[in-house]
Amino acid sequence: MESIDENVINNSLLLALSPVVLLGGIVVTSIAGVISAYVYSNTHDIKKSIILYLPIAAVIAIVLTVLGSPVIISLGIIGFGLVVLIYASNHFFYK
């Protein structure tokens, strides 16, 4: 069996990231997704919600990157917020 190189584990992007930045980004994008879905909950048009979410998500991604998050993780967090927006929009549609 080959042993795992210690440098590969120590150079992980998630280990270098502060948990506060990671959790804060997830919470903020989730809130932005729910608010974006709520604003257009009466129209039942998810396209308008996504158009509202994208500029907010861009600002959040820039702030996360400045705070030390790698770009790929910032984009993943933004994608998570988009999934939250879709589920929240579906919730408001059937309400």
PDB file of N, CA and C in Angstrom:
ATOM      1  N   MET A   1       0.842  -1.179   0.000  1.00  0.00           N
ATOM      2  CA  MET A   1       0.000   0.000   0.000  1.00  0.00           C
ATOM      3  C   MET A   1       0.889   1.244   0.000  1.00  0.00           C
ATOM      4  N   GLU A   2       0.423   2.234  -0.743  1.00  0.00           N
ATOM      5  CA  GLU A   2       1.152   3.493  -0.761  1.00  0.00           C
ATOM      6  C   GLU A   2       0.672   4.366   0.392  1.00  0.00           C
ATOM      7  N   SER A   3       1.605   5.099   0.950  1.00  0.00           N
ATOM      8  CA  SER A   3       1.211   6.008   2.026  1.00  0.00           C
ATOM      9  C   SER A   3       0.824   7.358   1.431  1.00  0.00           C
ATOM     10  N   ILE A   4      -0.061   8.027   2.109  1.00  0.00           N
ATOM     11  CA  ILE A   4      -0.511   9.341   1.659  1.00  0.00           C
ATOM     12  C   ILE A   4       0.550  10.363   2.020  1.00  0.00           C
ATOM     13  N   ASP A   5       0.878  11.185   1.053  1.00  0.00           N
ATOM     14  CA  ASP A   5       1.891  12.212   1.269  1.00  0.00           C
ATOM     15  C   ASP A   5       1.340  13.269   2.240  1.00  0.00           C
ATOM     16  N   GLU A   6       2.095  13.572   3.267  1.00  0.00           N
ATOM     17  CA  GLU A   6       1.660  14.554   4.271  1.00  0.00           C
ATOM     18  C   GLU A   6       1.490  15.943   3.676  1.00  0.00           C
ATOM     19  N   ASN A   7       2.272  16.302   2.659  1.00  0.00           N
ATOM     20  CA  ASN A   7       2.166  17.636   2.061  1.00  0.00           C
ATOM     21  C   ASN A   7       0.844  17.824   1.313  1.00  0.00           C
ATOM     22  N   VAL A   8       0.313  16.752   0.750  1.00  0.00           N
ATOM     23  CA  VAL A   8      -0.961  16.845   0.051  1.00  0.00           C
ATOM     24  C   VAL A   8      -2.068  17.177   1.044  1.00  0.00           C
ATOM     25  N   ILE A   9      -2.053  16.564   2.187  1.00  0.00           N
ATOM     26  CA  ILE A   9      -3.068  16.821   3.209  1.00  0.00           C
ATOM     27  C   ILE A   9      -2.907  18.225   3.785  1.00  0.00           C
ATOM     28  N   ASN A  10      -1.702  18.664   4.022  1.00  0.00           N
ATOM     29  CA  ASN A  10      -1.466  19.967   4.627  1.00  0.00           C
ATOM     30  C   ASN A  10      -1.736  21.121   3.671  1.00  0.00           C
ATOM     31  N   ASN A  11      -1.745  20.883   2.367  1.00  0.00           N
ATOM     32  CA  ASN A  11      -1.990  21.942   1.391  1.00  0.00           C
ATOM     33  C   ASN A  11      -3.446  21.998   0.938  1.00  0.00           C
ATOM     34  N   SER A  12      -4.333  21.385   1.663  1.00  0.00           N
ATOM     35  CA  SER A  12      -5.742  21.377   1.299  1.00  0.00           C
ATOM     36  C   SER A  12      -6.330  22.783   1.415  1.00  0.00           C
ATOM     37  N   LEU A  13      -7.218  23.122   0.468  1.00  0.00           N
ATOM     38  CA  LEU A  13      -7.843  24.450   0.478  1.00  0.00           C
ATOM     39  C   LEU A  13      -8.758  24.635   1.685  1.00  0.00           C
ATOM     40  N   LEU A  14      -9.456  23.574   2.070  1.00  0.00           N
ATOM     41  CA  LEU A  14     -10.373  23.697   3.203  1.00  0.00           C
ATOM     42  C   LEU A  14      -9.643  23.852   4.528  1.00  0.00           C
ATOM     43  N   LEU A  15      -8.460  23.259   4.653  1.00  0.00           N
ATOM     44  CA  LEU A  15      -7.711  23.419   5.897  1.00  0.00           C
ATOM     45  C   LEU A  15      -7.174  24.831   6.052  1.00  0.00           C
ATOM     46  N   ALA A  16      -6.908  25.505   4.940  1.00  0.00           N
ATOM     47  CA  ALA A  16      -6.385  26.862   4.994  1.00  0.00           C
ATOM     48  C   ALA A  16      -7.484  27.892   5.245  1.00  0.00           C
ATOM     49  N   LEU A  17      -8.732  27.499   5.080  1.00  0.00           N
ATOM     50  CA  LEU A  17      -9.845  28.427   5.202  1.00  0.00           C
ATOM     51  C   LEU A  17     -10.341  28.501   6.642  1.00  0.00           C
ATOM     52  N   SER A  18     -10.620  29.708   7.074  1.00  0.00           N
ATOM     53  CA  SER A  18     -11.170  29.912   8.409  1.00  0.00           C
ATOM     54  C   SER A  18     -12.598  29.380   8.456  1.00  0.00           C
ATOM     55  N   PRO A  19     -12.954  28.638   9.499  1.00  0.00           N
ATOM     56  CA  PRO A  19     -14.328  28.134   9.591  1.00  0.00           C
ATOM     57  C   PRO A  19     -15.357  29.251   9.707  1.00  0.00           C
ATOM     58  N   VAL A  20     -14.972  30.378  10.266  1.00  0.00           N
ATOM     59  CA  VAL A  20     -15.896  31.505  10.394  1.00  0.00           C
ATOM     60  C   VAL A  20     -16.251  32.046   9.012  1.00  0.00           C
ATOM     61  N   VAL A  21     -15.248  32.152   8.137  1.00  0.00           N
ATOM     62  CA  VAL A  21     -15.492  32.640   6.779  1.00  0.00           C
ATOM     63  C   VAL A  21     -16.364  31.644   6.013  1.00  0.00           C
ATOM     64  N   LEU A  22     -16.072  30.369   6.151  1.00  0.00           N
ATOM     65  CA  LEU A  22     -16.839  29.342   5.457  1.00  0.00           C
ATOM     66  C   LEU A  22     -18.285  29.323   5.926  1.00  0.00           C
ATOM     67  N   LEU A  23     -18.513  29.259   7.219  1.00  0.00           N
ATOM     68  CA  LEU A  23     -19.870  29.220   7.751  1.00  0.00           C
ATOM     69  C   LEU A  23     -20.606  30.537   7.506  1.00  0.00           C
ATOM     70  N   GLY A  24     -19.900  31.643   7.664  1.00  0.00           N
ATOM     71  CA  GLY A  24     -20.512  32.947   7.400  1.00  0.00           C
ATOM     72  C   GLY A  24     -20.954  33.091   5.959  1.00  0.00           C
ATOM     73  N   GLY A  25     -20.128  32.615   5.035  1.00  0.00           N
ATOM     74  CA  GLY A  25     -20.489  32.669   3.621  1.00  0.00           C
ATOM     75  C   GLY A  25     -21.697  31.822   3.302  1.00  0.00           C
ATOM     76  N   ILE A  26     -21.769  30.648   3.904  1.00  0.00           N
ATOM     77  CA  ILE A  26     -22.912  29.769   3.671  1.00  0.00           C
ATOM     78  C   ILE A  26     -24.189  30.394   4.224  1.00  0.00           C
ATOM     79  N   VAL A  27     -24.104  30.980   5.398  1.00  0.00           N
ATOM     80  CA  VAL A  27     -25.294  31.604   6.011  1.00  0.00           C
ATOM     81  C   VAL A  27     -25.752  32.810   5.200  1.00  0.00           C
ATOM     82  N   VAL A  28     -24.805  33.656   4.797  1.00  0.00           N
ATOM     83  CA  VAL A  28     -25.170  34.879   4.062  1.00  0.00           C
ATOM     84  C   VAL A  28     -25.763  34.540   2.694  1.00  0.00           C
ATOM     85  N   THR A  29     -25.178  33.572   1.983  1.00  0.00           N
ATOM     86  CA  THR A  29     -25.739  33.216   0.678  1.00  0.00           C
ATOM     87  C   THR A  29     -27.098  32.529   0.819  1.00  0.00           C
ATOM     88  N   SER A  30     -27.288  31.779   1.888  1.00  0.00           N
ATOM     89  CA  SER A  30     -28.599  31.158   2.112  1.00  0.00           C
ATOM     90  C   SER A  30     -29.654  32.227   2.368  1.00  0.00           C
ATOM     91  N   ILE A  31     -29.314  33.205   3.171  1.00  0.00           N
ATOM     92  CA  ILE A  31     -30.251  34.306   3.444  1.00  0.00           C
ATOM     93  C   ILE A  31     -30.537  35.091   2.175  1.00  0.00           C
ATOM     94  N   ALA A  32     -29.511  35.352   1.373  1.00  0.00           N
ATOM     95  CA  ALA A  32     -29.709  36.076   0.107  1.00  0.00           C
ATOM     96  C   ALA A  32     -30.595  35.284  -0.840  1.00  0.00           C
ATOM     97  N   GLY A  33     -30.442  33.970  -0.867  1.00  0.00           N
ATOM     98  CA  GLY A  33     -31.284  33.139  -1.722  1.00  0.00           C
ATOM     99  C   GLY A  33     -32.739  33.152  -1.297  1.00  0.00           C
ATOM    100  N   VAL A  34     -32.973  33.059  -0.011  1.00  0.00           N
ATOM    101  CA  VAL A  34     -34.356  33.067   0.490  1.00  0.00           C
ATOM    102  C   VAL A  34     -34.996  34.433   0.262  1.00  0.00           C
ATOM    103  N   ILE A  35     -34.255  35.494   0.505  1.00  0.00           N
ATOM    104  CA  ILE A  35     -34.804  36.841   0.291  1.00  0.00           C
ATOM    105  C   ILE A  35     -35.099  37.076  -1.187  1.00  0.00           C
ATOM    106  N   SER A  36     -34.210  36.620  -2.067  1.00  0.00           N
ATOM    107  CA  SER A  36     -34.441  36.782  -3.504  1.00  0.00           C
ATOM    108  C   SER A  36     -35.678  36.015  -3.951  1.00  0.00           C
ATOM    109  N   ALA A  37     -35.884  34.837  -3.406  1.00  0.00           N
ATOM    110  CA  ALA A  37     -37.083  34.066  -3.747  1.00  0.00           C
ATOM    111  C   ALA A  37     -38.329  34.712  -3.157  1.00  0.00           C
ATOM    112  N   TYR A  38     -38.211  35.292  -1.968  1.00  0.00           N
ATOM    113  CA  TYR A  38     -39.371  35.900  -1.306  1.00  0.00           C
ATOM    114  C   TYR A  38     -39.834  37.167  -2.021  1.00  0.00           C
ATOM    115  N   VAL A  39     -38.877  37.942  -2.543  1.00  0.00           N
ATOM    116  CA  VAL A  39     -39.236  39.201  -3.204  1.00  0.00           C
ATOM    117  C   VAL A  39     -40.168  38.950  -4.388  1.00  0.00           C
ATOM    118  N   TYR A  40     -39.897  37.894  -5.139  1.00  0.00           N
ATOM    119  CA  TYR A  40     -40.730  37.574  -6.301  1.00  0.00           C
ATOM    120  C   TYR A  40     -41.622  36.356  -6.046  1.00  0.00           C
ATOM    121  N   SER A  41     -42.054  36.176  -4.815  1.00  0.00           N
ATOM    122  CA  SER A  41     -42.885  35.006  -4.503  1.00  0.00           C
ATOM    123  C   SER A  41     -44.280  35.115  -5.099  1.00  0.00           C
ATOM    124  N   ASN A  42     -44.787  36.315  -5.318  1.00  0.00           N
ATOM    125  CA  ASN A  42     -46.127  36.480  -5.871  1.00  0.00           C
ATOM    126  C   ASN A  42     -46.163  36.282  -7.383  1.00  0.00           C
ATOM    127  N   THR A  43     -45.022  36.416  -8.056  1.00  0.00           N
ATOM    128  CA  THR A  43     -45.008  36.291  -9.513  1.00  0.00           C
ATOM    129  C   THR A  43     -44.772  34.856  -9.962  1.00  0.00           C
ATOM    130  N   HIS A  44     -44.212  34.023  -9.091  1.00  0.00           N
ATOM    131  CA  HIS A  44     -43.889  32.628  -9.414  1.00  0.00           C
ATOM    132  C   HIS A  44     -42.949  32.535 -10.615  1.00  0.00           C
ATOM    133  N   ASP A  45     -42.052  33.511 -10.743  1.00  0.00           N
ATOM    134  CA  ASP A  45     -41.088  33.521 -11.841  1.00  0.00           C
ATOM    135  C   ASP A  45     -39.687  33.419 -11.252  1.00  0.00           C
ATOM    136  N   ILE A  46     -39.076  32.248 -11.376  1.00  0.00           N
ATOM    137  CA  ILE A  46     -37.764  32.028 -10.774  1.00  0.00           C
ATOM    138  C   ILE A  46     -36.673  32.803 -11.509  1.00  0.00           C
ATOM    139  N   LYS A  47     -36.917  33.126 -12.770  1.00  0.00           N
ATOM    140  CA  LYS A  47     -35.917  33.867 -13.545  1.00  0.00           C
ATOM    141  C   LYS A  47     -35.653  35.237 -12.914  1.00  0.00           C
ATOM    142  N   LYS A  48     -36.702  35.906 -12.474  1.00  0.00           N
ATOM    143  CA  LYS A  48     -36.540  37.210 -11.821  1.00  0.00           C
ATOM    144  C   LYS A  48     -35.779  37.074 -10.510  1.00  0.00           C
ATOM    145  N   SER A  49     -36.039  36.000  -9.781  1.00  0.00           N
ATOM    146  CA  SER A  49     -35.333  35.773  -8.518  1.00  0.00           C
ATOM    147  C   SER A  49     -33.847  35.543  -8.754  1.00  0.00           C
ATOM    148  N   ILE A  50     -33.527  34.778  -9.786  1.00  0.00           N
ATOM    149  CA  ILE A  50     -32.117  34.512 -10.087  1.00  0.00           C
ATOM    150  C   ILE A  50     -31.418  35.778 -10.550  1.00  0.00           C
ATOM    151  N   ILE A  51     -32.098  36.596 -11.341  1.00  0.00           N
ATOM    152  CA  ILE A  51     -31.503  37.858 -11.796  1.00  0.00           C
ATOM    153  C   ILE A  51     -31.246  38.785 -10.606  1.00  0.00           C
ATOM    154  N   LEU A  52     -32.110  38.769  -9.614  1.00  0.00           N
ATOM    155  CA  LEU A  52     -31.882  39.557  -8.396  1.00  0.00           C
ATOM    156  C   LEU A  52     -30.739  38.970  -7.575  1.00  0.00           C
ATOM    157  N   TYR A  53     -30.613  37.646  -7.543  1.00  0.00           N
ATOM    158  CA  TYR A  53     -29.608  36.978  -6.719  1.00  0.00           C
ATOM    159  C   TYR A  53     -28.183  37.144  -7.261  1.00  0.00           C
ATOM    160  N   LEU A  54     -28.015  37.161  -8.571  1.00  0.00           N
ATOM    161  CA  LEU A  54     -26.671  37.143  -9.156  1.00  0.00           C
ATOM    162  C   LEU A  54     -25.783  38.330  -8.762  1.00  0.00           C
ATOM    163  N   PRO A  55     -26.255  39.574  -8.786  1.00  0.00           N
ATOM    164  CA  PRO A  55     -25.373  40.669  -8.328  1.00  0.00           C
ATOM    165  C   PRO A  55     -25.033  40.577  -6.838  1.00  0.00           C
ATOM    166  N   ILE A  56     -26.004  40.141  -6.051  1.00  0.00           N
ATOM    167  CA  ILE A  56     -25.747  39.961  -4.623  1.00  0.00           C
ATOM    168  C   ILE A  56     -24.699  38.875  -4.421  1.00  0.00           C
ATOM    169  N   ALA A  57     -24.815  37.797  -5.188  1.00  0.00           N
ATOM    170  CA  ALA A  57     -23.869  36.692  -5.099  1.00  0.00           C
ATOM    171  C   ALA A  57     -22.474  37.113  -5.540  1.00  0.00           C
ATOM    172  N   ALA A  58     -22.393  37.973  -6.537  1.00  0.00           N
ATOM    173  CA  ALA A  58     -21.087  38.454  -6.988  1.00  0.00           C
ATOM    174  C   ALA A  58     -20.385  39.249  -5.892  1.00  0.00           C
ATOM    175  N   VAL A  59     -21.136  40.087  -5.205  1.00  0.00           N
ATOM    176  CA  VAL A  59     -20.562  40.867  -4.101  1.00  0.00           C
ATOM    177  C   VAL A  59     -20.118  39.930  -2.973  1.00  0.00           C
ATOM    178  N   ILE A  60     -20.935  38.940  -2.656  1.00  0.00           N
ATOM    179  CA  ILE A  60     -20.583  37.986  -1.605  1.00  0.00           C
ATOM    180  C   ILE A  60     -19.326  37.209  -1.986  1.00  0.00           C
ATOM    181  N   ALA A  61     -19.218  36.800  -3.248  1.00  0.00           N
ATOM    182  CA  ALA A  61     -18.033  36.058  -3.700  1.00  0.00           C
ATOM    183  C   ALA A  61     -16.768  36.911  -3.604  1.00  0.00           C
ATOM    184  N   ILE A  62     -16.876  38.177  -3.947  1.00  0.00           N
ATOM    185  CA  ILE A  62     -15.720  39.069  -3.849  1.00  0.00           C
ATOM    186  C   ILE A  62     -15.312  39.239  -2.391  1.00  0.00           C
ATOM    187  N   VAL A  63     -16.283  39.431  -1.515  1.00  0.00           N
ATOM    188  CA  VAL A  63     -15.972  39.602  -0.088  1.00  0.00           C
ATOM    189  C   VAL A  63     -15.341  38.333   0.480  1.00  0.00           C
ATOM    190  N   LEU A  64     -15.872  37.172   0.119  1.00  0.00           N
ATOM    191  CA  LEU A  64     -15.301  35.916   0.604  1.00  0.00           C
ATOM    192  C   LEU A  64     -13.864  35.733   0.111  1.00  0.00           C
ATOM    193  N   THR A  65     -13.606  36.100  -1.127  1.00  0.00           N
ATOM    194  CA  THR A  65     -12.259  35.978  -1.673  1.00  0.00           C
ATOM    195  C   THR A  65     -11.301  36.932  -0.976  1.00  0.00           C
ATOM    196  N   VAL A  66     -11.762  38.134  -0.686  1.00  0.00           N
ATOM    197  CA  VAL A  66     -10.915  39.091   0.035  1.00  0.00           C
ATOM    198  C   VAL A  66     -10.625  38.598   1.450  1.00  0.00           C
ATOM    199  N   LEU A  67     -11.588  37.927   2.061  1.00  0.00           N
ATOM    200  CA  LEU A  67     -11.395  37.411   3.417  1.00  0.00           C
ATOM    201  C   LEU A  67     -10.516  36.162   3.466  1.00  0.00           C
ATOM    202  N   GLY A  68     -10.096  35.664   2.320  1.00  0.00           N
ATOM    203  CA  GLY A  68      -9.146  34.564   2.310  1.00  0.00           C
ATOM    204  C   GLY A  68      -9.659  33.261   1.765  1.00  0.00           C
ATOM    205  N   SER A  69     -10.873  33.242   1.287  1.00  0.00           N
ATOM    206  CA  SER A  69     -11.427  32.017   0.716  1.00  0.00           C
ATOM    207  C   SER A  69     -10.902  31.847  -0.710  1.00  0.00           C
ATOM    208  N   PRO A  70     -10.480  30.647  -1.082  1.00  0.00           N
ATOM    209  CA  PRO A  70     -10.098  30.425  -2.477  1.00  0.00           C
ATOM    210  C   PRO A  70     -11.295  30.645  -3.407  1.00  0.00           C
ATOM    211  N   VAL A  71     -11.036  31.029  -4.635  1.00  0.00           N
ATOM    212  CA  VAL A  71     -12.100  31.372  -5.573  1.00  0.00           C
ATOM    213  C   VAL A  71     -13.027  30.184  -5.826  1.00  0.00           C
ATOM    214  N   ILE A  72     -12.486  28.991  -5.936  1.00  0.00           N
ATOM    215  CA  ILE A  72     -13.315  27.818  -6.223  1.00  0.00           C
ATOM    216  C   ILE A  72     -14.290  27.534  -5.085  1.00  0.00           C
ATOM    217  N   ILE A  73     -13.868  27.777  -3.860  1.00  0.00           N
ATOM    218  CA  ILE A  73     -14.763  27.568  -2.714  1.00  0.00           C
ATOM    219  C   ILE A  73     -15.808  28.680  -2.660  1.00  0.00           C
ATOM    220  N   SER A  74     -15.417  29.907  -2.993  1.00  0.00           N
ATOM    221  CA  SER A  74     -16.383  31.006  -3.043  1.00  0.00           C
ATOM    222  C   SER A  74     -17.466  30.730  -4.080  1.00  0.00           C
ATOM    223  N   LEU A  75     -17.070  30.217  -5.228  1.00  0.00           N
ATOM    224  CA  LEU A  75     -18.053  29.894  -6.259  1.00  0.00           C
ATOM    225  C   LEU A  75     -18.946  28.730  -5.835  1.00  0.00           C
ATOM    226  N   GLY A  76     -18.390  27.786  -5.103  1.00  0.00           N
ATOM    227  CA  GLY A  76     -19.200  26.688  -4.579  1.00  0.00           C
ATOM    228  C   GLY A  76     -20.229  27.158  -3.577  1.00  0.00           C
ATOM    229  N   ILE A  77     -19.834  28.098  -2.739  1.00  0.00           N
ATOM    230  CA  ILE A  77     -20.775  28.663  -1.765  1.00  0.00           C
ATOM    231  C   ILE A  77     -21.884  29.425  -2.490  1.00  0.00           C
ATOM    232  N   ILE A  78     -21.544  30.137  -3.558  1.00  0.00           N
ATOM    233  CA  ILE A  78     -22.547  30.848  -4.345  1.00  0.00           C
ATOM    234  C   ILE A  78     -23.506  29.853  -5.010  1.00  0.00           C
ATOM    235  N   GLY A  79     -22.967  28.743  -5.482  1.00  0.00           N
ATOM    236  CA  GLY A  79     -23.822  27.692  -6.048  1.00  0.00           C
ATOM    237  C   GLY A  79     -24.763  27.107  -5.018  1.00  0.00           C
ATOM    238  N   PHE A  80     -24.277  26.952  -3.785  1.00  0.00           N
ATOM    239  CA  PHE A  80     -25.134  26.469  -2.706  1.00  0.00           C
ATOM    240  C   PHE A  80     -26.279  27.452  -2.454  1.00  0.00           C
ATOM    241  N   GLY A  81     -25.977  28.749  -2.479  1.00  0.00           N
ATOM    242  CA  GLY A  81     -27.024  29.756  -2.305  1.00  0.00           C
ATOM    243  C   GLY A  81     -28.048  29.710  -3.421  1.00  0.00           C
ATOM    244  N   LEU A  82     -27.603  29.376  -4.627  1.00  0.00           N
ATOM    245  CA  LEU A  82     -28.524  29.246  -5.746  1.00  0.00           C
ATOM    246  C   LEU A  82     -29.466  28.051  -5.553  1.00  0.00           C
ATOM    247  N   VAL A  83     -28.952  26.970  -5.016  1.00  0.00           N
ATOM    248  CA  VAL A  83     -29.794  25.808  -4.719  1.00  0.00           C
ATOM    249  C   VAL A  83     -30.819  26.163  -3.637  1.00  0.00           C
ATOM    250  N   VAL A  84     -30.392  26.916  -2.628  1.00  0.00           N
ATOM    251  CA  VAL A  84     -31.321  27.371  -1.585  1.00  0.00           C
ATOM    252  C   VAL A  84     -32.412  28.245  -2.203  1.00  0.00           C
ATOM    253  N   LEU A  85     -32.028  29.121  -3.141  1.00  0.00           N
ATOM    254  CA  LEU A  85     -32.998  29.980  -3.819  1.00  0.00           C
ATOM    255  C   LEU A  85     -34.032  29.130  -4.565  1.00  0.00           C
ATOM    256  N   ILE A  86     -33.589  28.087  -5.242  1.00  0.00           N
ATOM    257  CA  ILE A  86     -34.511  27.243  -6.009  1.00  0.00           C
ATOM    258  C   ILE A  86     -35.496  26.538  -5.071  1.00  0.00           C
ATOM    259  N   TYR A  87     -34.998  25.990  -3.969  1.00  0.00           N
ATOM    260  CA  TYR A  87     -35.899  25.317  -3.032  1.00  0.00           C
ATOM    261  C   TYR A  87     -36.841  26.311  -2.345  1.00  0.00           C
ATOM    262  N   ALA A  88     -36.346  27.500  -2.020  1.00  0.00           N
ATOM    263  CA  ALA A  88     -37.211  28.499  -1.396  1.00  0.00           C
ATOM    264  C   ALA A  88     -38.270  28.969  -2.379  1.00  0.00           C
ATOM    265  N   SER A  89     -37.896  29.136  -3.638  1.00  0.00           N
ATOM    266  CA  SER A  89     -38.873  29.539  -4.650  1.00  0.00           C
ATOM    267  C   SER A  89     -39.948  28.483  -4.818  1.00  0.00           C
ATOM    268  N   ASN A  90     -39.562  27.222  -4.787  1.00  0.00           N
ATOM    269  CA  ASN A  90     -40.531  26.141  -4.868  1.00  0.00           C
ATOM    270  C   ASN A  90     -41.458  26.144  -3.653  1.00  0.00           C
ATOM    271  N   HIS A  91     -40.892  26.444  -2.483  1.00  0.00           N
ATOM    272  CA  HIS A  91     -41.716  26.523  -1.271  1.00  0.00           C
ATOM    273  C   HIS A  91     -42.749  27.640  -1.380  1.00  0.00           C
ATOM    274  N   PHE A  92     -42.315  28.824  -1.851  1.00  0.00           N
ATOM    275  CA  PHE A  92     -43.239  29.950  -1.965  1.00  0.00           C
ATOM    276  C   PHE A  92     -44.258  29.711  -3.071  1.00  0.00           C
ATOM    277  N   PHE A  93     -43.911  28.908  -4.089  1.00  0.00           N
ATOM    278  CA  PHE A  93     -44.848  28.631  -5.173  1.00  0.00           C
ATOM    279  C   PHE A  93     -46.032  27.820  -4.678  1.00  0.00           C
ATOM    280  N   TYR A  94     -45.778  26.846  -3.807  1.00  0.00           N
ATOM    281  CA  TYR A  94     -46.848  25.977  -3.321  1.00  0.00           C
ATOM    282  C   TYR A  94     -47.490  26.488  -2.043  1.00  0.00           C
ATOM    283  N   LYS A  95     -47.131  27.644  -1.584  1.00  0.00           N
ATOM    284  CA  LYS A  95     -47.677  28.192  -0.358  1.00  0.00           C
ATOM    285  C   LYS A  95     -49.033  28.812  -0.581  1.00  0.00           C
TER     286      LYS A  95
END
